[in-house]
């Protein structure tokens, strides 16, 4: 399991790091835009457009790593009251439900990317095409499905979550 998990983790963490870097860039751009507005009375041309596009990637890029590391929020009070096998069954059920949810998200983000592509949408100020950004987001969500499938199999085999500092 660990031999399979390692490449998944490396790729998903790289995507998450890229997402965090984009988030930091959006934050810095927002600060620069505010300072520029204060100093000149005018915004940075296209700052909002770029922030909007990058935010799509920021959100989508972090999910695969979060799934593989099993960092999502969960309520475990019922499992604590059950015997070990009951708790494991709930963990497996939760992992399966998460996989189904991400399959639905990937499907609907793909439908949205198709609509944006068909409508030939562009940003308002920069006139950049919006569709490629949504296709990248869709790809990130589709990557969540094999990642979560790995988690389901790991739960079935009682393989623990990876160490968060590795």
N, C-alpha and C. Protein backbone atom coordinates (compact mmCIF):
# COMPACT_ATOMS: atom_id res chain seq x y z
N UNK A 1 0.83 -1.20 0.00
CA UNK A 1 0.00 0.00 0.00
C UNK A 1 0.87 1.25 0.00
N UNK A 2 1.94 1.23 0.77
CA UNK A 2 2.77 2.43 0.88
C UNK A 2 3.47 2.76 -0.44
N UNK A 3 3.84 1.73 -1.22
CA UNK A 3 4.46 1.98 -2.52
C UNK A 3 3.50 2.66 -3.47
N UNK A 4 2.22 2.32 -3.39
CA UNK A 4 1.21 2.98 -4.22
C UNK A 4 0.88 4.37 -3.69
N UNK A 5 0.88 4.50 -2.38
CA UNK A 5 0.48 5.75 -1.75
C UNK A 5 1.50 6.86 -1.98
N UNK A 6 2.75 6.55 -1.97
CA UNK A 6 3.81 7.56 -2.07
C UNK A 6 3.69 8.42 -3.34
N UNK A 7 3.58 7.84 -4.53
CA UNK A 7 3.45 8.69 -5.72
C UNK A 7 2.18 9.55 -5.70
N UNK A 8 1.08 8.96 -5.23
CA UNK A 8 -0.17 9.73 -5.09
C UNK A 8 0.06 10.95 -4.20
N UNK A 9 0.73 10.73 -3.07
CA UNK A 9 0.97 11.82 -2.13
C UNK A 9 1.88 12.89 -2.72
N UNK A 10 2.92 12.49 -3.41
CA UNK A 10 3.85 13.46 -3.99
C UNK A 10 3.12 14.34 -5.01
N UNK A 11 2.36 13.73 -5.88
CA UNK A 11 1.65 14.50 -6.91
C UNK A 11 0.57 15.39 -6.29
N UNK A 12 -0.19 14.83 -5.37
CA UNK A 12 -1.27 15.61 -4.77
C UNK A 12 -0.74 16.74 -3.90
N UNK A 13 0.36 16.51 -3.20
CA UNK A 13 0.95 17.58 -2.40
C UNK A 13 1.55 18.67 -3.28
N UNK A 14 2.12 18.29 -4.42
CA UNK A 14 2.64 19.29 -5.36
C UNK A 14 1.49 20.17 -5.86
N UNK A 15 0.37 19.55 -6.18
CA UNK A 15 -0.80 20.33 -6.63
C UNK A 15 -1.30 21.24 -5.51
N UNK A 16 -1.31 20.73 -4.28
CA UNK A 16 -1.75 21.55 -3.15
C UNK A 16 -0.79 22.71 -2.90
N UNK A 17 0.50 22.47 -3.05
CA UNK A 17 1.48 23.55 -2.90
C UNK A 17 1.25 24.61 -3.96
N UNK A 18 1.00 24.19 -5.18
CA UNK A 18 0.68 25.14 -6.24
C UNK A 18 -0.58 25.94 -5.88
N UNK A 19 -1.59 25.26 -5.35
CA UNK A 19 -2.81 25.93 -4.92
C UNK A 19 -2.54 26.95 -3.83
N UNK A 20 -1.70 26.60 -2.88
CA UNK A 20 -1.36 27.52 -1.78
C UNK A 20 -0.57 28.71 -2.32
N UNK A 21 0.35 28.46 -3.25
CA UNK A 21 1.10 29.57 -3.86
C UNK A 21 0.17 30.52 -4.60
N UNK A 22 -0.80 29.96 -5.31
CA UNK A 22 -1.80 30.81 -5.99
C UNK A 22 -2.60 31.61 -4.96
N UNK A 23 -2.94 30.97 -3.83
CA UNK A 23 -3.67 31.66 -2.77
C UNK A 23 -2.85 32.83 -2.23
N UNK A 24 -1.57 32.60 -1.99
CA UNK A 24 -0.69 33.67 -1.52
C UNK A 24 -0.59 34.79 -2.56
N UNK A 25 -0.53 34.41 -3.83
CA UNK A 25 -0.48 35.42 -4.89
C UNK A 25 -1.77 36.24 -4.91
N UNK A 26 -2.92 35.57 -4.77
CA UNK A 26 -4.20 36.28 -4.73
C UNK A 26 -4.24 37.23 -3.54
N UNK A 27 -3.75 36.78 -2.40
CA UNK A 27 -3.72 37.65 -1.22
C UNK A 27 -2.82 38.86 -1.45
N UNK A 28 -1.63 38.62 -1.99
CA UNK A 28 -0.70 39.72 -2.27
C UNK A 28 -1.27 40.67 -3.31
N UNK A 29 -1.93 40.11 -4.31
CA UNK A 29 -2.56 40.94 -5.34
C UNK A 29 -3.67 41.80 -4.73
N UNK A 30 -4.43 41.24 -3.81
CA UNK A 30 -5.50 41.99 -3.15
C UNK A 30 -4.93 43.14 -2.33
N UNK A 31 -3.85 42.87 -1.60
CA UNK A 31 -3.20 43.93 -0.82
C UNK A 31 -2.65 45.00 -1.75
N UNK A 32 -1.98 44.59 -2.81
CA UNK A 32 -1.43 45.56 -3.76
C UNK A 32 -2.55 46.38 -4.41
N UNK A 33 -3.66 45.74 -4.71
CA UNK A 33 -4.79 46.44 -5.31
C UNK A 33 -5.35 47.49 -4.34
N UNK A 34 -5.48 47.12 -3.08
CA UNK A 34 -5.99 48.06 -2.07
C UNK A 34 -5.03 49.24 -1.92
N UNK A 35 -3.75 48.95 -1.82
CA UNK A 35 -2.76 50.02 -1.68
C UNK A 35 -2.74 50.93 -2.91
N UNK A 36 -2.85 50.33 -4.08
CA UNK A 36 -2.88 51.12 -5.32
C UNK A 36 -4.13 51.99 -5.37
N UNK A 37 -5.26 51.45 -4.96
CA UNK A 37 -6.50 52.25 -4.92
C UNK A 37 -6.36 53.43 -3.97
N UNK A 38 -5.73 53.19 -2.82
CA UNK A 38 -5.54 54.27 -1.85
C UNK A 38 -4.59 55.34 -2.38
N UNK A 39 -3.52 54.89 -3.02
CA UNK A 39 -2.50 55.82 -3.50
C UNK A 39 -2.92 56.58 -4.75
N UNK A 40 -3.59 55.88 -5.66
CA UNK A 40 -3.89 56.50 -6.97
C UNK A 40 -5.37 56.72 -7.21
N UNK A 41 -6.20 56.07 -6.41
CA UNK A 41 -7.64 56.16 -6.65
C UNK A 41 -8.13 55.22 -7.73
N UNK A 42 -7.23 54.39 -8.27
CA UNK A 42 -7.59 53.45 -9.34
C UNK A 42 -7.13 52.05 -8.98
N UNK A 43 -7.89 51.05 -9.35
CA UNK A 43 -7.48 49.67 -9.06
C UNK A 43 -6.41 49.20 -10.04
N UNK A 44 -5.78 48.07 -9.72
CA UNK A 44 -4.87 47.42 -10.66
C UNK A 44 -5.74 46.80 -11.74
N UNK A 45 -5.47 47.13 -12.98
CA UNK A 45 -6.27 46.65 -14.11
C UNK A 45 -6.20 45.12 -14.18
N UNK A 46 -7.34 44.47 -14.08
CA UNK A 46 -7.44 43.02 -14.21
C UNK A 46 -7.18 42.24 -12.94
N UNK A 47 -6.95 42.92 -11.83
CA UNK A 47 -6.66 42.20 -10.59
C UNK A 47 -7.82 41.30 -10.19
N UNK A 48 -9.03 41.82 -10.31
CA UNK A 48 -10.20 41.01 -9.94
C UNK A 48 -10.34 39.81 -10.87
N UNK A 49 -10.14 40.02 -12.17
CA UNK A 49 -10.23 38.91 -13.13
C UNK A 49 -9.24 37.80 -12.77
N UNK A 50 -8.01 38.20 -12.53
CA UNK A 50 -6.98 37.22 -12.20
C UNK A 50 -7.27 36.51 -10.88
N UNK A 51 -7.73 37.26 -9.89
CA UNK A 51 -8.08 36.65 -8.60
C UNK A 51 -9.20 35.63 -8.76
N UNK A 52 -10.19 35.96 -9.55
CA UNK A 52 -11.30 35.04 -9.79
C UNK A 52 -10.82 33.74 -10.42
N UNK A 53 -9.98 33.85 -11.44
CA UNK A 53 -9.49 32.66 -12.13
C UNK A 53 -8.59 31.81 -11.24
N UNK A 54 -7.71 32.45 -10.50
CA UNK A 54 -6.80 31.70 -9.64
C UNK A 54 -7.54 31.03 -8.48
N UNK A 55 -8.59 31.66 -8.00
CA UNK A 55 -9.35 31.08 -6.89
C UNK A 55 -9.98 29.75 -7.27
N UNK A 56 -10.39 29.62 -8.51
CA UNK A 56 -10.93 28.35 -8.99
C UNK A 56 -9.89 27.24 -8.79
N UNK A 57 -8.65 27.52 -9.15
CA UNK A 57 -7.58 26.52 -9.03
C UNK A 57 -7.18 26.32 -7.57
N UNK A 58 -7.14 27.40 -6.81
CA UNK A 58 -6.80 27.30 -5.38
C UNK A 58 -7.69 26.28 -4.69
N UNK A 59 -8.97 26.38 -4.94
CA UNK A 59 -9.92 25.49 -4.27
C UNK A 59 -9.76 24.05 -4.75
N UNK A 60 -9.74 23.87 -6.05
CA UNK A 60 -9.72 22.51 -6.60
C UNK A 60 -8.40 21.78 -6.37
N UNK A 61 -7.28 22.49 -6.38
CA UNK A 61 -5.97 21.85 -6.29
C UNK A 61 -5.68 21.24 -4.93
N UNK A 62 -6.35 21.69 -3.90
CA UNK A 62 -6.04 21.21 -2.55
C UNK A 62 -6.82 19.96 -2.15
N UNK A 63 -7.86 19.62 -2.87
CA UNK A 63 -8.68 18.48 -2.47
C UNK A 63 -7.99 17.12 -2.56
N UNK A 64 -7.26 16.79 -3.65
CA UNK A 64 -6.67 15.44 -3.68
C UNK A 64 -5.75 15.15 -2.49
N UNK A 65 -4.90 16.10 -2.12
CA UNK A 65 -4.00 15.88 -0.98
C UNK A 65 -4.80 15.74 0.32
N UNK A 66 -5.81 16.57 0.47
CA UNK A 66 -6.64 16.48 1.68
C UNK A 66 -7.33 15.14 1.80
N UNK A 67 -7.78 14.60 0.67
CA UNK A 67 -8.42 13.29 0.70
C UNK A 67 -7.42 12.19 1.04
N UNK A 68 -6.27 12.19 0.36
CA UNK A 68 -5.28 11.14 0.61
C UNK A 68 -4.76 11.17 2.04
N UNK A 69 -4.63 12.35 2.60
CA UNK A 69 -4.15 12.46 3.97
C UNK A 69 -5.28 12.34 4.98
N UNK A 70 -6.50 12.21 4.48
CA UNK A 70 -7.70 12.03 5.31
C UNK A 70 -7.84 13.17 6.32
N UNK A 71 -7.75 14.38 5.78
CA UNK A 71 -7.82 15.56 6.63
C UNK A 71 -9.20 16.22 6.62
N UNK A 72 -10.18 15.57 6.08
CA UNK A 72 -11.51 16.16 6.08
C UNK A 72 -12.13 16.08 7.47
N UNK A 73 -13.11 16.92 7.68
CA UNK A 73 -13.80 16.94 8.98
C UNK A 73 -14.68 15.70 9.08
N UNK A 74 -14.64 15.06 10.24
CA UNK A 74 -15.54 13.93 10.46
C UNK A 74 -15.98 13.93 11.92
N UNK A 75 -17.16 13.42 12.11
CA UNK A 75 -17.72 13.31 13.45
C UNK A 75 -17.63 11.84 13.84
N UNK A 76 -16.93 11.57 14.92
CA UNK A 76 -16.64 10.18 15.28
C UNK A 76 -17.31 9.73 16.57
N UNK A 77 -18.31 10.46 17.05
CA UNK A 77 -18.89 10.08 18.35
C UNK A 77 -19.62 8.75 18.28
N UNK A 78 -20.29 8.44 17.18
CA UNK A 78 -21.02 7.19 17.07
C UNK A 78 -20.04 6.01 17.00
N UNK A 79 -18.97 6.17 16.23
CA UNK A 79 -17.98 5.11 16.10
C UNK A 79 -17.31 4.78 17.42
N UNK A 80 -17.16 5.77 18.28
CA UNK A 80 -16.53 5.54 19.58
C UNK A 80 -17.41 4.67 20.48
N UNK A 81 -18.71 4.68 20.25
CA UNK A 81 -19.63 3.88 21.07
C UNK A 81 -19.79 2.46 20.53
N UNK A 82 -19.33 2.22 19.31
CA UNK A 82 -19.48 0.91 18.69
C UNK A 82 -18.24 0.06 18.91
N UNK A 83 -18.38 -1.25 18.72
CA UNK A 83 -17.17 -2.09 18.76
C UNK A 83 -16.26 -1.74 17.57
N UNK A 84 -15.04 -2.22 17.61
CA UNK A 84 -14.05 -1.89 16.57
C UNK A 84 -14.57 -2.17 15.17
N UNK A 85 -15.20 -3.31 14.96
CA UNK A 85 -15.69 -3.65 13.62
C UNK A 85 -16.78 -2.67 13.17
N UNK A 86 -17.60 -2.20 14.10
CA UNK A 86 -18.64 -1.23 13.77
C UNK A 86 -18.04 0.12 13.39
N UNK A 87 -17.01 0.53 14.13
CA UNK A 87 -16.33 1.77 13.82
C UNK A 87 -15.66 1.69 12.44
N UNK A 88 -15.02 0.55 12.15
CA UNK A 88 -14.38 0.37 10.84
C UNK A 88 -15.42 0.39 9.72
N UNK A 89 -16.56 -0.22 9.96
CA UNK A 89 -17.63 -0.22 8.95
C UNK A 89 -18.09 1.22 8.68
N UNK A 90 -18.20 2.02 9.73
CA UNK A 90 -18.57 3.43 9.55
C UNK A 90 -17.49 4.20 8.79
N UNK A 91 -16.23 3.93 9.07
CA UNK A 91 -15.11 4.58 8.36
C UNK A 91 -15.16 4.24 6.87
N UNK A 92 -15.39 2.97 6.57
CA UNK A 92 -15.47 2.53 5.17
C UNK A 92 -16.68 3.18 4.50
N UNK A 93 -17.82 3.20 5.18
CA UNK A 93 -19.03 3.82 4.63
C UNK A 93 -18.79 5.31 4.37
N UNK A 94 -18.14 5.99 5.32
CA UNK A 94 -17.83 7.41 5.14
C UNK A 94 -16.91 7.65 3.96
N UNK A 95 -15.91 6.77 3.80
CA UNK A 95 -14.99 6.90 2.66
C UNK A 95 -15.72 6.68 1.34
N UNK A 96 -16.63 5.72 1.32
CA UNK A 96 -17.43 5.48 0.10
C UNK A 96 -18.33 6.67 -0.22
N UNK A 97 -18.97 7.23 0.79
CA UNK A 97 -19.83 8.40 0.58
C UNK A 97 -19.02 9.59 0.07
N UNK A 98 -17.82 9.75 0.60
CA UNK A 98 -16.94 10.83 0.15
C UNK A 98 -16.56 10.62 -1.31
N UNK A 99 -16.28 9.37 -1.70
CA UNK A 99 -15.96 9.07 -3.10
C UNK A 99 -17.13 9.41 -4.01
N UNK A 100 -18.33 9.03 -3.58
CA UNK A 100 -19.52 9.34 -4.39
C UNK A 100 -19.75 10.85 -4.49
N UNK A 101 -19.52 11.56 -3.40
CA UNK A 101 -19.70 13.00 -3.42
C UNK A 101 -18.71 13.65 -4.39
N UNK A 102 -17.46 13.21 -4.37
CA UNK A 102 -16.47 13.80 -5.28
C UNK A 102 -16.73 13.39 -6.73
N UNK A 103 -17.30 12.22 -6.96
CA UNK A 103 -17.71 11.85 -8.32
C UNK A 103 -18.78 12.82 -8.81
N UNK A 104 -19.72 13.15 -7.94
CA UNK A 104 -20.77 14.11 -8.32
C UNK A 104 -20.18 15.50 -8.56
N UNK A 105 -19.28 15.93 -7.68
CA UNK A 105 -18.64 17.25 -7.86
C UNK A 105 -17.87 17.29 -9.18
N UNK A 106 -17.09 16.25 -9.46
CA UNK A 106 -16.32 16.20 -10.71
C UNK A 106 -17.25 16.27 -11.91
N UNK A 107 -18.33 15.53 -11.85
CA UNK A 107 -19.30 15.53 -12.95
C UNK A 107 -19.89 16.92 -13.17
N UNK A 108 -20.32 17.57 -12.09
CA UNK A 108 -20.97 18.87 -12.24
C UNK A 108 -19.99 19.99 -12.59
N UNK A 109 -18.76 19.90 -12.10
CA UNK A 109 -17.75 20.89 -12.51
C UNK A 109 -17.42 20.70 -13.99
N UNK A 110 -17.40 19.45 -14.45
CA UNK A 110 -17.18 19.19 -15.88
C UNK A 110 -18.33 19.75 -16.71
N UNK A 111 -19.56 19.56 -16.25
CA UNK A 111 -20.70 20.15 -16.97
C UNK A 111 -20.58 21.67 -17.03
N UNK A 112 -20.16 22.27 -15.91
CA UNK A 112 -19.98 23.72 -15.90
C UNK A 112 -18.87 24.14 -16.87
N UNK A 113 -17.77 23.40 -16.89
CA UNK A 113 -16.67 23.70 -17.83
C UNK A 113 -17.17 23.59 -19.27
N UNK A 114 -18.01 22.62 -19.55
CA UNK A 114 -18.57 22.48 -20.90
C UNK A 114 -19.45 23.68 -21.24
N UNK A 115 -20.27 24.13 -20.29
CA UNK A 115 -21.14 25.30 -20.53
C UNK A 115 -20.32 26.56 -20.76
N UNK A 116 -19.27 26.73 -19.94
CA UNK A 116 -18.41 27.91 -20.09
C UNK A 116 -17.69 27.87 -21.44
N UNK A 117 -17.27 26.68 -21.85
CA UNK A 117 -16.62 26.53 -23.15
C UNK A 117 -17.59 26.84 -24.27
N UNK A 118 -18.80 26.30 -24.18
CA UNK A 118 -19.80 26.51 -25.23
C UNK A 118 -20.21 27.98 -25.34
N UNK A 119 -20.24 28.68 -24.20
CA UNK A 119 -20.65 30.09 -24.22
C UNK A 119 -19.49 31.02 -24.55
N UNK A 120 -18.29 30.44 -24.70
CA UNK A 120 -17.11 31.22 -25.08
C UNK A 120 -16.90 32.39 -24.12
N UNK A 121 -16.92 32.08 -22.82
CA UNK A 121 -16.83 33.11 -21.78
C UNK A 121 -15.41 33.64 -21.62
N UNK A 122 -15.32 34.95 -21.44
CA UNK A 122 -14.04 35.62 -21.21
C UNK A 122 -14.16 36.50 -19.97
N UNK A 123 -13.01 36.79 -19.34
CA UNK A 123 -13.04 37.70 -18.21
C UNK A 123 -13.38 39.11 -18.70
N UNK A 124 -13.91 39.91 -17.81
CA UNK A 124 -14.43 41.22 -18.20
C UNK A 124 -13.33 42.21 -18.58
N UNK A 125 -12.27 42.27 -17.83
CA UNK A 125 -11.25 43.29 -18.06
C UNK A 125 -10.10 42.77 -18.92
N UNK A 126 -9.54 41.63 -18.55
CA UNK A 126 -8.38 41.09 -19.26
C UNK A 126 -8.75 40.38 -20.56
N UNK A 127 -9.99 39.99 -20.69
CA UNK A 127 -10.49 39.25 -21.86
C UNK A 127 -9.75 37.92 -22.04
N UNK A 128 -9.48 37.25 -20.91
CA UNK A 128 -8.89 35.93 -20.94
C UNK A 128 -10.01 34.90 -20.98
N UNK A 129 -9.81 33.79 -21.69
CA UNK A 129 -10.84 32.75 -21.69
C UNK A 129 -10.97 32.12 -20.30
N UNK A 130 -12.19 31.86 -19.89
CA UNK A 130 -12.45 31.30 -18.56
C UNK A 130 -12.44 29.77 -18.58
N UNK A 131 -12.81 29.20 -19.70
CA UNK A 131 -12.97 27.74 -19.79
C UNK A 131 -11.72 26.95 -19.38
N UNK A 132 -10.52 27.31 -19.82
CA UNK A 132 -9.36 26.49 -19.43
C UNK A 132 -9.18 26.38 -17.92
N UNK A 133 -9.51 27.41 -17.20
CA UNK A 133 -9.39 27.39 -15.75
C UNK A 133 -10.38 26.39 -15.15
N UNK A 134 -11.59 26.36 -15.70
CA UNK A 134 -12.60 25.41 -15.22
C UNK A 134 -12.24 23.98 -15.61
N UNK A 135 -11.57 23.79 -16.76
CA UNK A 135 -11.15 22.45 -17.15
C UNK A 135 -10.05 21.94 -16.22
N UNK A 136 -9.15 22.82 -15.79
CA UNK A 136 -8.13 22.43 -14.82
C UNK A 136 -8.79 22.05 -13.49
N UNK A 137 -9.77 22.83 -13.07
CA UNK A 137 -10.50 22.51 -11.83
C UNK A 137 -11.20 21.16 -11.97
N UNK A 138 -11.84 20.94 -13.11
CA UNK A 138 -12.51 19.65 -13.34
C UNK A 138 -11.51 18.51 -13.26
N UNK A 139 -10.33 18.69 -13.86
CA UNK A 139 -9.30 17.64 -13.81
C UNK A 139 -8.89 17.37 -12.35
N UNK A 140 -8.75 18.43 -11.58
CA UNK A 140 -8.40 18.24 -10.15
C UNK A 140 -9.46 17.42 -9.43
N UNK A 141 -10.73 17.71 -9.72
CA UNK A 141 -11.80 16.94 -9.06
C UNK A 141 -11.87 15.51 -9.58
N UNK A 142 -11.58 15.29 -10.86
CA UNK A 142 -11.54 13.91 -11.37
C UNK A 142 -10.39 13.14 -10.73
N UNK A 143 -9.29 13.83 -10.43
CA UNK A 143 -8.16 13.18 -9.75
C UNK A 143 -8.55 12.76 -8.34
N UNK A 144 -9.51 13.46 -7.77
CA UNK A 144 -9.98 13.10 -6.42
C UNK A 144 -10.60 11.70 -6.38
N UNK A 145 -11.16 11.26 -7.48
CA UNK A 145 -11.85 9.96 -7.48
C UNK A 145 -10.86 8.81 -7.28
N UNK A 146 -9.77 8.70 -8.07
CA UNK A 146 -8.82 7.61 -7.75
C UNK A 146 -8.16 7.80 -6.38
N UNK A 147 -7.95 9.06 -6.00
CA UNK A 147 -7.36 9.31 -4.67
C UNK A 147 -8.28 8.78 -3.58
N UNK A 148 -9.57 9.09 -3.69
CA UNK A 148 -10.51 8.62 -2.66
C UNK A 148 -10.75 7.12 -2.79
N UNK A 149 -10.67 6.58 -3.98
CA UNK A 149 -10.78 5.13 -4.15
C UNK A 149 -9.63 4.44 -3.41
N UNK A 150 -8.44 5.03 -3.50
CA UNK A 150 -7.31 4.51 -2.74
C UNK A 150 -7.62 4.55 -1.24
N UNK A 151 -8.23 5.63 -0.78
CA UNK A 151 -8.58 5.75 0.64
C UNK A 151 -9.60 4.69 1.03
N UNK A 152 -10.58 4.42 0.17
CA UNK A 152 -11.58 3.39 0.46
C UNK A 152 -10.88 2.03 0.62
N UNK A 153 -10.00 1.71 -0.32
CA UNK A 153 -9.27 0.44 -0.24
C UNK A 153 -8.40 0.41 1.02
N UNK A 154 -7.75 1.53 1.33
CA UNK A 154 -6.92 1.60 2.54
C UNK A 154 -7.76 1.39 3.79
N UNK A 155 -8.96 1.96 3.81
CA UNK A 155 -9.86 1.76 4.96
C UNK A 155 -10.28 0.29 5.06
N UNK A 156 -10.59 -0.31 3.93
CA UNK A 156 -10.99 -1.73 3.94
C UNK A 156 -9.85 -2.59 4.47
N UNK A 157 -8.61 -2.27 4.06
CA UNK A 157 -7.44 -3.04 4.50
C UNK A 157 -6.89 -2.58 5.84
N UNK A 158 -7.55 -1.59 6.45
CA UNK A 158 -7.15 -1.03 7.75
C UNK A 158 -5.75 -0.43 7.71
N UNK A 159 -5.45 0.24 6.59
CA UNK A 159 -4.17 0.94 6.42
C UNK A 159 -4.32 2.35 6.98
N UNK A 160 -3.46 2.75 7.93
CA UNK A 160 -3.61 4.07 8.55
C UNK A 160 -3.32 5.20 7.58
N UNK A 161 -3.80 6.39 7.94
CA UNK A 161 -3.51 7.60 7.16
C UNK A 161 -2.01 7.86 7.19
N UNK A 162 -1.47 8.47 6.13
CA UNK A 162 -0.03 8.75 6.12
C UNK A 162 0.32 9.80 7.17
N UNK A 163 1.58 9.80 7.54
CA UNK A 163 2.06 10.82 8.48
C UNK A 163 1.96 12.17 7.80
N UNK A 164 1.51 13.18 8.51
CA UNK A 164 1.29 14.49 7.91
C UNK A 164 2.57 15.28 7.69
N UNK A 165 3.66 14.89 8.30
CA UNK A 165 4.89 15.66 8.15
C UNK A 165 5.87 15.03 7.16
N UNK A 166 5.50 13.92 6.52
CA UNK A 166 6.42 13.27 5.59
C UNK A 166 6.41 13.90 4.23
